[in-house]
Structures are given as C-alpha cells and as structure tokens.
Amino acid sequence: MPLLSPASNQNPYLAVSTHIDGDHPQVAAQAAVLAAGCASEEEVVKACFEFVRDAIQHSWDFKRDPVTCRASDVLIHGTGYCYAKSHLLAALLRSNGIPAGLCYQRLSVGMEGPPFCLHGLNAVYLKNHGWYRIDARGNKPGVDAQFTPPLERLAFPVLAEQERDLPEIWAEPLPQVVHALLAYSSVREVADNLPDIELISAHPLN
C-alpha cells in the first residue's frame, strides 16, 4: 500500500479516527512525554514501541478485563489484546507526526494446525528504511520482539503451512478485529472467538 506524502492532510497513516484516537488528550500527552528528550525520529519510535510493549499488559497474558479497542481506552486501562495494543502504538506514533499502520499475521492458536487466528502488529515509516514492522504485543518466555531496524524482530515466526505474514499495511483496523473487541465483554470470550481470515488459494482450480 503506497505511502502518501506526510505533508498531505489526506495521509491515512497520520489520521486520527474512532479507534486510533491520537487526538485524545491522554494519548497526545503520553506521546509528548515519550518523545521528550529523543534526539531522532527513530528514538521516538523506539520509545513509543517499548512503552506499549512493556507498560501495557497483554490481556490474555495477564487475564485482564476490560476488553479494550480504542487507543485511549488501552492507555487508560493499561491493557489490551495485541490488536488493541497496535491501535495505541499507531495513535502514539501518529500523534508524534510519524506515519504508522496496522499489520496482521495469521497464526495457529496452538503450537501448530487449526484453529488459526489473526495477530495484530504495526508498520512504521522510517525515513532511513521505509516501512518497518514492529510488534508490541508484550514479551514473555519464548517471545522477544525488539526495535532493531532494518532487521525485524517480531513476536512470532510464521511456520505452519496455513500461517501467513499478510503483506498489507492498513490505516484502520480490520472489521473482524473491531468486531471481536467490541462484541465480547471479557478476555475469555475474546479468546474463544479470535478473529481469522479465509486464505485465498494461490493455485485456483480451473
């Protein structure tokens, strides 16, 4: 997905919206705090990334309600699924004038095989590297996501046949992700109804 000029008001990767509300007073204030003292844009990105990765608890890892979706709610409650954490990271980066989008992987819910679900992460536009993916879902044993451009260090590798690194960079969350976060009232219910997509075969039958 091509990046529009950051000077353009039509740039969707700098926009505020219902779920990526970088103009919310608390989000904007947190973005300013994280950027203070940074000597470069990449330092700002790293600060925002590490804040969301480390200071915002992953809902399932910590079994924490409420279920959050909007960036400001993620910040206020200090918790979110990977999707919601990606909304907050996008909002913090955009509030600092840094283009950011949403990315997804399709991963096995277990060790391998079905069922599968989407995993949410981010892409940020770095002047020296172009689009670069970062994953702020939260580290734990076996998960060590870092900001090390130009090399990516994401939370999860894509291993199984039906798993995918989806190539799109979205300006807004996918509808099925928003539905999962808004339709269910507990972390357990979301875990039982994780969003997924249907893969399109690369070799359709004639």
N, C-alpha and C. Protein backbone atom coordinates (compact mmCIF):
# COMPACT_ATOMS: atom_id res chain seq x y z
N MET A 1 0.86 -1.19 0.00
CA MET A 1 0.00 0.00 0.00
C MET A 1 0.90 1.23 0.00
N PRO A 2 0.79 2.12 -0.96
CA PRO A 2 1.73 3.23 -1.07
C PRO A 2 1.53 4.26 0.03
N LEU A 3 2.62 4.84 0.44
CA LEU A 3 2.59 5.90 1.43
C LEU A 3 2.35 7.23 0.75
N LEU A 4 1.38 7.98 1.23
CA LEU A 4 1.15 9.33 0.74
C LEU A 4 2.13 10.28 1.42
N SER A 5 2.31 11.44 0.85
CA SER A 5 3.22 12.41 1.43
C SER A 5 2.79 12.78 2.84
N PRO A 6 3.72 12.73 3.82
CA PRO A 6 3.35 13.12 5.18
C PRO A 6 2.82 14.54 5.28
N ALA A 7 3.11 15.38 4.29
CA ALA A 7 2.62 16.76 4.32
C ALA A 7 1.15 16.85 3.93
N SER A 8 0.61 15.75 3.40
CA SER A 8 -0.76 15.78 2.93
C SER A 8 -1.73 15.49 4.06
N ASN A 9 -2.78 16.31 4.16
CA ASN A 9 -3.82 16.05 5.14
C ASN A 9 -4.61 14.80 4.82
N GLN A 10 -4.43 14.26 3.61
CA GLN A 10 -5.13 13.06 3.20
C GLN A 10 -4.35 11.80 3.55
N ASN A 11 -3.19 11.93 4.19
CA ASN A 11 -2.39 10.76 4.53
C ASN A 11 -3.11 9.92 5.58
N PRO A 12 -3.59 8.73 5.22
CA PRO A 12 -4.35 7.92 6.18
C PRO A 12 -3.49 7.39 7.32
N TYR A 13 -2.17 7.34 7.12
CA TYR A 13 -1.29 6.80 8.15
C TYR A 13 -0.90 7.82 9.22
N LEU A 14 -1.43 9.04 9.07
CA LEU A 14 -1.28 10.05 10.11
C LEU A 14 -2.61 10.48 10.70
N ALA A 15 -3.68 9.86 10.23
CA ALA A 15 -5.03 10.29 10.59
C ALA A 15 -5.43 9.84 11.99
N VAL A 16 -6.30 10.62 12.61
CA VAL A 16 -6.97 10.18 13.84
C VAL A 16 -8.32 9.62 13.45
N SER A 17 -8.82 8.69 14.26
CA SER A 17 -10.08 8.04 13.95
C SER A 17 -10.70 7.51 15.23
N THR A 18 -11.81 6.83 15.09
CA THR A 18 -12.52 6.30 16.25
C THR A 18 -11.64 5.41 17.11
N HIS A 19 -10.92 4.51 16.48
CA HIS A 19 -10.13 3.53 17.23
C HIS A 19 -8.67 3.94 17.39
N ILE A 20 -8.18 4.80 16.52
CA ILE A 20 -6.80 5.30 16.63
C ILE A 20 -6.90 6.80 16.94
N ASP A 21 -7.29 7.08 18.17
CA ASP A 21 -7.62 8.46 18.57
C ASP A 21 -6.41 9.15 19.18
N GLY A 22 -5.45 9.44 18.31
CA GLY A 22 -4.25 10.13 18.76
C GLY A 22 -4.49 11.54 19.24
N ASP A 23 -5.67 12.09 18.97
CA ASP A 23 -6.00 13.43 19.45
C ASP A 23 -6.63 13.41 20.84
N HIS A 24 -6.86 12.23 21.41
CA HIS A 24 -7.38 12.17 22.77
C HIS A 24 -6.35 12.81 23.71
N PRO A 25 -6.78 13.64 24.65
CA PRO A 25 -5.83 14.38 25.48
C PRO A 25 -4.80 13.49 26.18
N GLN A 26 -5.21 12.35 26.69
CA GLN A 26 -4.26 11.50 27.41
C GLN A 26 -3.29 10.80 26.45
N VAL A 27 -3.77 10.44 25.27
CA VAL A 27 -2.89 9.84 24.27
C VAL A 27 -1.88 10.86 23.78
N ALA A 28 -2.37 12.06 23.47
CA ALA A 28 -1.47 13.11 22.99
C ALA A 28 -0.43 13.48 24.05
N ALA A 29 -0.86 13.53 25.31
CA ALA A 29 0.07 13.86 26.39
C ALA A 29 1.12 12.76 26.56
N GLN A 30 0.70 11.50 26.49
CA GLN A 30 1.66 10.39 26.61
C GLN A 30 2.63 10.38 25.44
N ALA A 31 2.13 10.69 24.24
CA ALA A 31 3.00 10.76 23.07
C ALA A 31 4.07 11.82 23.26
N ALA A 32 3.68 12.97 23.81
CA ALA A 32 4.64 14.06 24.03
C ALA A 32 5.68 13.67 25.08
N VAL A 33 5.24 13.00 26.14
CA VAL A 33 6.16 12.55 27.18
C VAL A 33 7.19 11.58 26.60
N LEU A 34 6.74 10.65 25.77
CA LEU A 34 7.64 9.66 25.21
C LEU A 34 8.65 10.28 24.23
N ALA A 35 8.22 11.33 23.55
CA ALA A 35 9.10 11.98 22.57
C ALA A 35 10.09 12.95 23.21
N ALA A 36 9.79 13.39 24.43
CA ALA A 36 10.65 14.37 25.09
C ALA A 36 12.06 13.82 25.29
N GLY A 37 13.04 14.58 24.87
CA GLY A 37 14.42 14.18 25.05
C GLY A 37 14.96 13.27 23.97
N CYS A 38 14.12 12.83 23.05
CA CYS A 38 14.60 11.98 21.97
C CYS A 38 15.34 12.83 20.94
N ALA A 39 16.47 12.32 20.47
CA ALA A 39 17.30 13.09 19.55
C ALA A 39 16.99 12.81 18.10
N SER A 40 16.17 11.81 17.81
CA SER A 40 15.86 11.47 16.43
C SER A 40 14.48 10.83 16.36
N GLU A 41 13.97 10.77 15.14
CA GLU A 41 12.67 10.14 14.93
C GLU A 41 12.71 8.67 15.33
N GLU A 42 13.80 7.98 15.04
CA GLU A 42 13.89 6.56 15.40
C GLU A 42 13.88 6.38 16.91
N GLU A 43 14.46 7.32 17.64
CA GLU A 43 14.40 7.24 19.11
C GLU A 43 12.97 7.40 19.60
N VAL A 44 12.19 8.26 18.94
CA VAL A 44 10.78 8.42 19.30
C VAL A 44 10.03 7.12 19.05
N VAL A 45 10.25 6.52 17.89
CA VAL A 45 9.58 5.26 17.57
C VAL A 45 9.93 4.20 18.60
N LYS A 46 11.21 4.09 18.95
CA LYS A 46 11.63 3.09 19.92
C LYS A 46 10.98 3.33 21.28
N ALA A 47 10.91 4.58 21.69
CA ALA A 47 10.30 4.91 22.98
C ALA A 47 8.82 4.55 23.01
N CYS A 48 8.11 4.87 21.94
CA CYS A 48 6.68 4.54 21.88
C CYS A 48 6.48 3.03 21.83
N PHE A 49 7.29 2.36 21.03
CA PHE A 49 7.20 0.91 20.90
C PHE A 49 7.44 0.22 22.24
N GLU A 50 8.52 0.60 22.93
CA GLU A 50 8.85 -0.07 24.18
C GLU A 50 7.84 0.25 25.28
N PHE A 51 7.24 1.44 25.24
CA PHE A 51 6.19 1.77 26.21
C PHE A 51 5.00 0.85 26.02
N VAL A 52 4.52 0.70 24.79
CA VAL A 52 3.34 -0.14 24.56
C VAL A 52 3.68 -1.60 24.82
N ARG A 53 4.87 -2.03 24.40
CA ARG A 53 5.27 -3.42 24.62
C ARG A 53 5.35 -3.76 26.10
N ASP A 54 5.95 -2.86 26.89
CA ASP A 54 6.29 -3.20 28.27
C ASP A 54 5.33 -2.67 29.32
N ALA A 55 4.73 -1.50 29.08
CA ALA A 55 3.91 -0.88 30.11
C ALA A 55 2.42 -1.24 29.98
N ILE A 56 2.01 -1.68 28.81
CA ILE A 56 0.62 -2.07 28.59
C ILE A 56 0.55 -3.59 28.63
N GLN A 57 -0.23 -4.13 29.55
CA GLN A 57 -0.27 -5.58 29.74
C GLN A 57 -1.14 -6.26 28.68
N HIS A 58 -0.63 -7.35 28.13
CA HIS A 58 -1.40 -8.12 27.15
C HIS A 58 -2.56 -8.78 27.88
N SER A 59 -3.76 -8.59 27.36
CA SER A 59 -4.97 -9.01 28.06
C SER A 59 -4.96 -10.49 28.43
N TRP A 60 -4.53 -11.34 27.49
CA TRP A 60 -4.57 -12.78 27.77
C TRP A 60 -3.43 -13.19 28.69
N ASP A 61 -2.24 -12.63 28.49
CA ASP A 61 -1.12 -12.99 29.36
C ASP A 61 -1.44 -12.71 30.82
N PHE A 62 -2.13 -11.60 31.07
CA PHE A 62 -2.41 -11.18 32.45
C PHE A 62 -3.87 -11.43 32.86
N LYS A 63 -4.66 -12.01 31.93
CA LYS A 63 -6.08 -12.32 32.19
C LYS A 63 -6.80 -11.08 32.73
N ARG A 64 -6.62 -9.94 32.01
CA ARG A 64 -7.14 -8.67 32.49
C ARG A 64 -8.30 -8.17 31.65
N ASP A 65 -9.41 -7.90 32.29
CA ASP A 65 -10.50 -7.13 31.71
C ASP A 65 -10.30 -5.68 32.12
N PRO A 66 -10.94 -4.72 31.44
CA PRO A 66 -11.91 -4.91 30.37
C PRO A 66 -11.25 -5.16 29.02
N VAL A 67 -12.08 -5.63 28.08
CA VAL A 67 -11.63 -5.74 26.70
C VAL A 67 -11.55 -4.33 26.12
N THR A 68 -10.41 -3.96 25.57
CA THR A 68 -10.23 -2.62 25.02
C THR A 68 -10.05 -2.68 23.51
N CYS A 69 -10.38 -1.59 22.86
CA CYS A 69 -10.22 -1.49 21.41
C CYS A 69 -9.64 -0.12 21.04
N ARG A 70 -10.30 0.95 21.48
CA ARG A 70 -9.86 2.30 21.18
C ARG A 70 -8.52 2.57 21.87
N ALA A 71 -7.62 3.26 21.17
CA ALA A 71 -6.28 3.53 21.70
C ALA A 71 -6.34 4.17 23.08
N SER A 72 -7.20 5.15 23.26
CA SER A 72 -7.27 5.84 24.55
C SER A 72 -7.71 4.90 25.66
N ASP A 73 -8.60 3.96 25.37
CA ASP A 73 -9.03 3.00 26.39
C ASP A 73 -7.90 2.05 26.76
N VAL A 74 -7.11 1.67 25.77
CA VAL A 74 -5.95 0.82 26.04
C VAL A 74 -5.00 1.53 27.01
N LEU A 75 -4.75 2.80 26.76
CA LEU A 75 -3.86 3.59 27.61
C LEU A 75 -4.46 3.77 29.00
N ILE A 76 -5.73 4.11 29.08
CA ILE A 76 -6.36 4.39 30.37
C ILE A 76 -6.40 3.14 31.24
N HIS A 77 -6.74 2.00 30.65
CA HIS A 77 -6.87 0.76 31.44
C HIS A 77 -5.56 -0.01 31.54
N GLY A 78 -4.58 0.34 30.70
CA GLY A 78 -3.28 -0.31 30.78
C GLY A 78 -3.26 -1.75 30.31
N THR A 79 -4.21 -2.11 29.45
CA THR A 79 -4.28 -3.49 28.98
C THR A 79 -4.93 -3.55 27.61
N GLY A 80 -4.60 -4.60 26.87
CA GLY A 80 -5.23 -4.81 25.57
C GLY A 80 -4.69 -6.07 24.92
N TYR A 81 -5.51 -6.67 24.07
CA TYR A 81 -5.02 -7.73 23.20
C TYR A 81 -4.01 -7.12 22.22
N CYS A 82 -3.32 -7.97 21.48
CA CYS A 82 -2.32 -7.48 20.51
C CYS A 82 -2.92 -6.45 19.57
N TYR A 83 -4.16 -6.68 19.13
CA TYR A 83 -4.81 -5.76 18.20
C TYR A 83 -4.96 -4.38 18.83
N ALA A 84 -5.46 -4.36 20.05
CA ALA A 84 -5.69 -3.09 20.74
C ALA A 84 -4.37 -2.38 21.04
N LYS A 85 -3.35 -3.15 21.40
CA LYS A 85 -2.05 -2.54 21.64
C LYS A 85 -1.50 -1.91 20.36
N SER A 86 -1.77 -2.54 19.22
CA SER A 86 -1.33 -1.95 17.95
C SER A 86 -2.07 -0.66 17.66
N HIS A 87 -3.33 -0.56 18.09
CA HIS A 87 -4.08 0.69 17.91
C HIS A 87 -3.43 1.82 18.72
N LEU A 88 -3.05 1.50 19.96
CA LEU A 88 -2.41 2.52 20.79
C LEU A 88 -1.06 2.93 20.22
N LEU A 89 -0.26 1.97 19.78
CA LEU A 89 1.05 2.32 19.23
C LEU A 89 0.90 3.19 17.99
N ALA A 90 -0.05 2.86 17.12
CA ALA A 90 -0.30 3.69 15.94
C ALA A 90 -0.70 5.10 16.35
N ALA A 91 -1.55 5.21 17.37
CA ALA A 91 -2.01 6.52 17.82
C ALA A 91 -0.86 7.35 18.39
N LEU A 92 0.01 6.73 19.18
CA LEU A 92 1.14 7.46 19.76
C LEU A 92 2.10 7.93 18.67
N LEU A 93 2.37 7.07 17.70
CA LEU A 93 3.28 7.45 16.62
C LEU A 93 2.67 8.56 15.77
N ARG A 94 1.40 8.42 15.40
CA ARG A 94 0.76 9.44 14.58
C ARG A 94 0.68 10.77 15.32
N SER A 95 0.45 10.71 16.62
CA SER A 95 0.41 11.94 17.41
C SER A 95 1.75 12.66 17.37
N ASN A 96 2.83 11.89 17.18
CA ASN A 96 4.16 12.48 17.04
C ASN A 96 4.53 12.76 15.59
N GLY A 97 3.56 12.67 14.67
CA GLY A 97 3.80 13.00 13.28
C GLY A 97 4.53 11.93 12.49
N ILE A 98 4.50 10.69 12.99
CA ILE A 98 5.21 9.59 12.35
C ILE A 98 4.18 8.65 11.72
N PRO A 99 4.24 8.43 10.41
CA PRO A 99 3.24 7.56 9.76
C PRO A 99 3.31 6.14 10.30
N ALA A 100 2.16 5.60 10.66
CA ALA A 100 2.09 4.25 11.21
C ALA A 100 0.82 3.57 10.73
N GLY A 101 0.94 2.27 10.48
CA GLY A 101 -0.21 1.48 10.04
C GLY A 101 -0.33 0.21 10.85
N LEU A 102 -1.31 -0.60 10.48
CA LEU A 102 -1.60 -1.85 11.16
C LEU A 102 -1.31 -3.01 10.22
N CYS A 103 -0.70 -4.05 10.76
CA CYS A 103 -0.39 -5.26 10.00
C CYS A 103 -0.96 -6.46 10.74
N TYR A 104 -1.05 -7.57 10.02
CA TYR A 104 -1.57 -8.79 10.63
C TYR A 104 -0.78 -10.00 10.15
N GLN A 105 -0.67 -10.96 11.04
CA GLN A 105 -0.23 -12.30 10.69
C GLN A 105 -1.40 -13.25 10.93
N ARG A 106 -1.39 -14.36 10.21
CA ARG A 106 -2.33 -15.44 10.51
C ARG A 106 -1.52 -16.57 11.14
N LEU A 107 -1.84 -16.88 12.40
CA LEU A 107 -1.05 -17.83 13.17
C LEU A 107 -1.93 -18.92 13.76
N SER A 108 -1.33 -20.04 14.06
CA SER A 108 -2.03 -21.11 14.76
C SER A 108 -2.29 -20.68 16.20
N VAL A 109 -3.49 -20.97 16.69
CA VAL A 109 -3.80 -20.64 18.08
C VAL A 109 -2.97 -21.50 19.03
N GLY A 110 -2.73 -22.76 18.65
CA GLY A 110 -1.90 -23.65 19.44
C GLY A 110 -0.48 -23.68 18.91
N MET A 111 0.15 -24.83 19.04
CA MET A 111 1.52 -24.97 18.56
C MET A 111 1.57 -25.08 17.04
N GLU A 112 0.61 -25.78 16.45
CA GLU A 112 0.54 -25.91 15.00
C GLU A 112 -0.85 -26.41 14.63
N GLY A 113 -1.21 -26.17 13.37
CA GLY A 113 -2.51 -26.63 12.89
C GLY A 113 -3.66 -25.77 13.36
N PRO A 114 -4.89 -26.10 12.89
CA PRO A 114 -6.05 -25.30 13.26
C PRO A 114 -6.39 -25.48 14.75
N PRO A 115 -7.13 -24.51 15.32
CA PRO A 115 -7.64 -23.30 14.67
C PRO A 115 -6.56 -22.24 14.49
N PHE A 116 -6.84 -21.27 13.60
CA PHE A 116 -5.95 -20.17 13.34
C PHE A 116 -6.62 -18.86 13.74
N CYS A 117 -5.82 -17.84 13.92
CA CYS A 117 -6.37 -16.51 14.24
C CYS A 117 -5.43 -15.45 13.71
N LEU A 118 -5.93 -14.24 13.64
CA LEU A 118 -5.10 -13.10 13.29
C LEU A 118 -4.30 -12.64 14.49
N HIS A 119 -3.12 -12.14 14.23
CA HIS A 119 -2.28 -11.50 15.24
C HIS A 119 -1.99 -10.09 14.75
N GLY A 120 -2.17 -9.11 15.63
CA GLY A 120 -2.03 -7.71 15.23
C GLY A 120 -0.68 -7.13 15.61
N LEU A 121 -0.10 -6.37 14.69
CA LEU A 121 1.15 -5.66 14.92
C LEU A 121 1.14 -4.37 14.12
N ASN A 122 2.27 -3.70 14.01
CA ASN A 122 2.32 -2.39 13.35
C ASN A 122 3.41 -2.34 12.29
N ALA A 123 3.25 -1.37 11.38
CA ALA A 123 4.33 -0.95 10.50
C ALA A 123 4.49 0.56 10.67
N VAL A 124 5.73 0.99 10.74
CA VAL A 124 6.03 2.41 10.88
C VAL A 124 6.92 2.81 9.71
N TYR A 125 6.72 4.04 9.21
CA TYR A 125 7.54 4.50 8.10
C TYR A 125 8.75 5.25 8.64
N LEU A 126 9.93 4.64 8.46
CA LEU A 126 11.19 5.24 8.89
C LEU A 126 11.89 5.87 7.69
N LYS A 127 12.32 7.09 7.84
CA LYS A 127 12.93 7.81 6.71
C LYS A 127 14.13 7.06 6.13
N ASN A 128 14.89 6.38 6.98
CA ASN A 128 16.10 5.70 6.52
C ASN A 128 15.86 4.27 6.02
N HIS A 129 14.67 3.74 6.27
CA HIS A 129 14.45 2.32 5.98
C HIS A 129 13.15 2.03 5.26
N GLY A 130 12.24 2.99 5.16
CA GLY A 130 10.92 2.71 4.60
C GLY A 130 10.03 2.05 5.64
N TRP A 131 9.06 1.28 5.16
CA TRP A 131 8.13 0.61 6.07
C TRP A 131 8.87 -0.48 6.84
N TYR A 132 8.65 -0.49 8.14
CA TYR A 132 9.34 -1.41 9.05
C TYR A 132 8.34 -1.92 10.08
N ARG A 133 8.25 -3.24 10.22
CA ARG A 133 7.25 -3.81 11.13
C ARG A 133 7.79 -3.93 12.56
N ILE A 134 6.94 -3.62 13.52
CA ILE A 134 7.25 -3.76 14.93
C ILE A 134 6.07 -4.42 15.63
N ASP A 135 6.35 -5.19 16.68
CA ASP A 135 5.33 -5.99 17.34
C ASP A 135 5.39 -5.74 18.84
N ALA A 136 4.42 -4.97 19.33
CA ALA A 136 4.40 -4.55 20.74
C ALA A 136 3.45 -5.39 21.59
N ARG A 137 3.19 -6.66 21.19
CA ARG A 137 2.21 -7.46 21.93
C ARG A 137 2.64 -7.71 23.37
N GLY A 138 3.95 -7.64 23.66
CA GLY A 138 4.45 -7.89 25.01
C GLY A 138 5.33 -9.12 25.05
N ASN A 139 6.53 -8.97 25.56
CA ASN A 139 7.45 -10.09 25.61
C ASN A 139 7.16 -11.00 26.81
N LYS A 140 7.59 -12.25 26.68
CA LYS A 140 7.45 -13.26 27.72
C LYS A 140 8.40 -14.39 27.32
N PRO A 141 8.57 -15.44 28.12
CA PRO A 141 9.43 -16.53 27.70
C PRO A 141 9.05 -17.06 26.32
N GLY A 142 9.99 -17.06 25.40
CA GLY A 142 9.74 -17.50 24.03
C GLY A 142 9.32 -16.40 23.08
N VAL A 143 9.08 -15.20 23.60
CA VAL A 143 8.69 -14.04 22.78
C VAL A 143 9.64 -12.90 23.09
N ASP A 144 10.37 -12.42 22.08
CA ASP A 144 11.37 -11.37 22.30
C ASP A 144 11.35 -10.40 21.12
N ALA A 145 10.32 -9.58 21.05
CA ALA A 145 10.19 -8.59 19.98
C ALA A 145 11.00 -7.36 20.33
N GLN A 146 11.73 -6.83 19.34
CA GLN A 146 12.61 -5.69 19.56
C GLN A 146 12.50 -4.71 18.41
N PHE A 147 13.00 -3.48 18.64
CA PHE A 147 13.13 -2.46 17.61
C PHE A 147 14.58 -2.42 17.18
N THR A 148 14.90 -3.07 16.05
CA THR A 148 16.28 -3.19 15.59
C THR A 148 16.36 -2.97 14.07
N PRO A 149 15.91 -1.80 13.58
CA PRO A 149 15.92 -1.59 12.12
C PRO A 149 17.34 -1.61 11.57
N PRO A 150 17.51 -2.15 10.35
CA PRO A 150 16.45 -2.58 9.42
C PRO A 150 15.98 -4.02 9.64
N LEU A 151 16.58 -4.74 10.60
CA LEU A 151 16.17 -6.12 10.85
C LEU A 151 14.90 -6.15 11.68
N GLU A 152 13.95 -7.00 11.29
CA GLU A 152 12.72 -7.17 12.06
C GLU A 152 12.93 -8.23 13.13
N ARG A 153 12.42 -7.93 14.32
CA ARG A 153 12.37 -8.92 15.39
C ARG A 153 10.97 -8.92 15.96
N LEU A 154 10.10 -9.73 15.33
CA LEU A 154 8.70 -9.79 15.70
C LEU A 154 8.48 -10.82 16.80
N ALA A 155 7.27 -10.84 17.33
CA ALA A 155 6.97 -11.75 18.42
C ALA A 155 6.92 -13.21 17.98
N PHE A 156 6.39 -13.46 16.77
CA PHE A 156 6.15 -14.83 16.35
C PHE A 156 6.66 -15.07 14.93
N PRO A 157 7.32 -16.19 14.68
CA PRO A 157 7.65 -16.58 13.31
C PRO A 157 6.45 -17.23 12.64
N VAL A 158 6.40 -17.16 11.34
CA VAL A 158 5.38 -17.87 10.57
C VAL A 158 5.96 -19.22 10.16
N LEU A 159 5.37 -20.30 10.66
CA LEU A 159 5.95 -21.62 10.50
C LEU A 159 5.05 -22.60 9.75
N ALA A 160 3.80 -22.72 10.14
CA ALA A 160 2.92 -23.74 9.60
C ALA A 160 2.45 -23.39 8.19
N GLU A 161 1.98 -24.40 7.48
CA GLU A 161 1.57 -24.22 6.08
C GLU A 161 0.45 -23.21 5.92
N GLN A 162 -0.48 -23.19 6.86
CA GLN A 162 -1.62 -22.28 6.76
C GLN A 162 -1.40 -20.95 7.50
N GLU A 163 -0.21 -20.74 8.01
CA GLU A 163 0.11 -19.45 8.62
C GLU A 163 0.60 -18.49 7.53
N ARG A 164 0.46 -17.20 7.78
CA ARG A 164 0.84 -16.21 6.77
C ARG A 164 1.32 -14.92 7.42
N ASP A 165 2.32 -14.30 6.79
CA ASP A 165 2.60 -12.89 7.00
C ASP A 165 1.77 -12.14 5.97
N LEU A 166 0.73 -11.47 6.40
CA LEU A 166 -0.12 -10.74 5.45
C LEU A 166 0.58 -9.45 5.05
N PRO A 167 0.67 -9.16 3.76
CA PRO A 167 1.54 -8.07 3.29
C PRO A 167 0.96 -6.67 3.42
N GLU A 168 -0.34 -6.55 3.63
CA GLU A 168 -0.97 -5.23 3.62
C GLU A 168 -0.59 -4.40 4.84
N ILE A 169 -0.55 -3.09 4.64
CA ILE A 169 -0.40 -2.14 5.73
C ILE A 169 -1.69 -1.32 5.76
N TRP A 170 -2.48 -1.52 6.79
CA TRP A 170 -3.81 -0.92 6.87
C TRP A 170 -3.76 0.36 7.69
N ALA A 171 -4.52 1.35 7.25
CA ALA A 171 -4.63 2.58 8.02
C ALA A 171 -5.61 2.44 9.17
N GLU A 172 -6.56 1.51 9.03
CA GLU A 172 -7.59 1.29 10.04
C GLU A 172 -7.68 -0.20 10.37
N PRO A 173 -8.14 -0.56 11.56
CA PRO A 173 -8.26 -1.98 11.92
C PRO A 173 -9.22 -2.72 11.00
N LEU A 174 -8.96 -4.01 10.79
CA LEU A 174 -9.87 -4.83 10.02
C LEU A 174 -11.20 -4.97 10.76
N PRO A 175 -12.31 -5.02 10.00
CA PRO A 175 -13.63 -5.10 10.65
C PRO A 175 -13.78 -6.29 11.59
N GLN A 176 -13.24 -7.45 11.23
CA GLN A 176 -13.40 -8.61 12.09
C GLN A 176 -12.62 -8.46 13.40
N VAL A 177 -11.57 -7.67 13.38
CA VAL A 177 -10.83 -7.39 14.61
C VAL A 177 -11.64 -6.48 15.52
N VAL A 178 -12.19 -5.41 14.94
CA VAL A 178 -13.02 -4.50 15.73
C VAL A 178 -14.22 -5.24 16.30
N HIS A 179 -14.83 -6.10 15.49
CA HIS A 179 -15.99 -6.87 15.98
C HIS A 179 -15.61 -7.71 17.18
N ALA A 180 -14.49 -8.41 17.11
CA ALA A 180 -14.08 -9.29 18.20
C ALA A 180 -13.85 -8.51 19.49
N LEU A 181 -13.34 -7.29 19.38
CA LEU A 181 -13.05 -6.49 20.56
C LEU A 181 -14.27 -5.77 21.11
N LEU A 182 -15.26 -5.55 20.28
CA LEU A 182 -16.45 -4.83 20.74
C LEU A 182 -17.62 -5.75 21.07
N ALA A 183 -17.65 -6.94 20.49
CA ALA A 183 -18.81 -7.82 20.66
C ALA A 183 -18.77 -8.62 21.95
N TYR A 184 -17.59 -8.76 22.54
CA TYR A 184 -17.44 -9.63 23.72
C TYR A 184 -16.96 -8.81 24.91
N SER A 185 -17.47 -9.16 26.08
CA SER A 185 -17.24 -8.32 27.26
C SER A 185 -16.12 -8.81 28.15
N SER A 186 -15.56 -9.99 27.87
CA SER A 186 -14.49 -10.50 28.72
C SER A 186 -13.34 -11.01 27.87
N VAL A 187 -12.17 -11.03 28.48
CA VAL A 187 -10.98 -11.55 27.81
C VAL A 187 -11.18 -13.01 27.40
N ARG A 188 -11.86 -13.78 28.24
CA ARG A 188 -12.11 -15.19 27.94
C ARG A 188 -12.98 -15.33 26.70
N GLU A 189 -14.03 -14.50 26.59
CA GLU A 189 -14.90 -14.57 25.41
C GLU A 189 -14.15 -14.21 24.13
N VAL A 190 -13.28 -13.22 24.19
CA VAL A 190 -12.48 -12.88 23.01
C VAL A 190 -11.58 -14.05 22.64
N ALA A 191 -10.96 -14.68 23.64
CA ALA A 191 -10.07 -15.81 23.38
C ALA A 191 -10.81 -16.96 22.70
N ASP A 192 -12.09 -17.10 23.01
CA ASP A 192 -12.90 -18.16 22.40
C ASP A 192 -13.42 -17.77 21.01
N ASN A 193 -13.24 -16.51 20.63
CA ASN A 193 -13.78 -16.02 19.35
C ASN A 193 -12.76 -15.13 18.63
N LEU A 194 -11.52 -15.56 18.60
CA LEU A 194 -10.47 -14.76 17.97
C LEU A 194 -10.74 -14.59 16.48
N PRO A 195 -10.47 -13.41 15.94
CA PRO A 195 -10.74 -13.17 14.52
C PRO A 195 -9.78 -13.94 13.62
N ASP A 196 -10.27 -14.30 12.44
CA ASP A 196 -9.47 -15.03 11.45
C ASP A 196 -9.88 -14.55 10.07
N ILE A 197 -9.14 -14.96 9.06
CA ILE A 197 -9.50 -14.69 7.67
C ILE A 197 -9.44 -15.99 6.89
N GLU A 198 -10.11 -16.01 5.76
CA GLU A 198 -10.03 -17.15 4.86
C GLU A 198 -8.94 -16.88 3.85
N LEU A 199 -8.01 -17.82 3.72
CA LEU A 199 -6.92 -17.67 2.77
C LEU A 199 -7.41 -17.93 1.35
N ILE A 200 -6.89 -17.15 0.42
CA ILE A 200 -7.20 -17.35 -1.00
C ILE A 200 -6.12 -18.22 -1.59
N SER A 201 -6.52 -19.27 -2.24
CA SER A 201 -5.55 -20.21 -2.81
C SER A 201 -4.74 -19.53 -3.91
N ALA A 202 -3.43 -19.78 -3.89
CA ALA A 202 -2.57 -19.25 -4.96
C ALA A 202 -2.68 -20.08 -6.24
N HIS A 203 -3.35 -21.22 -6.15
CA HIS A 203 -3.49 -22.11 -7.30
C HIS A 203 -4.96 -22.50 -7.45
N PRO A 204 -5.82 -21.58 -7.91
CA PRO A 204 -7.25 -21.88 -8.01
C PRO A 204 -7.49 -22.99 -9.04
N LEU A 205 -8.54 -23.75 -8.79
CA LEU A 205 -8.90 -24.82 -9.72
C LEU A 205 -9.50 -24.23 -10.99
N ASN A 206 -9.20 -24.81 -12.12
CA ASN A 206 -9.76 -24.37 -13.41
C ASN A 206 -11.12 -25.01 -13.63
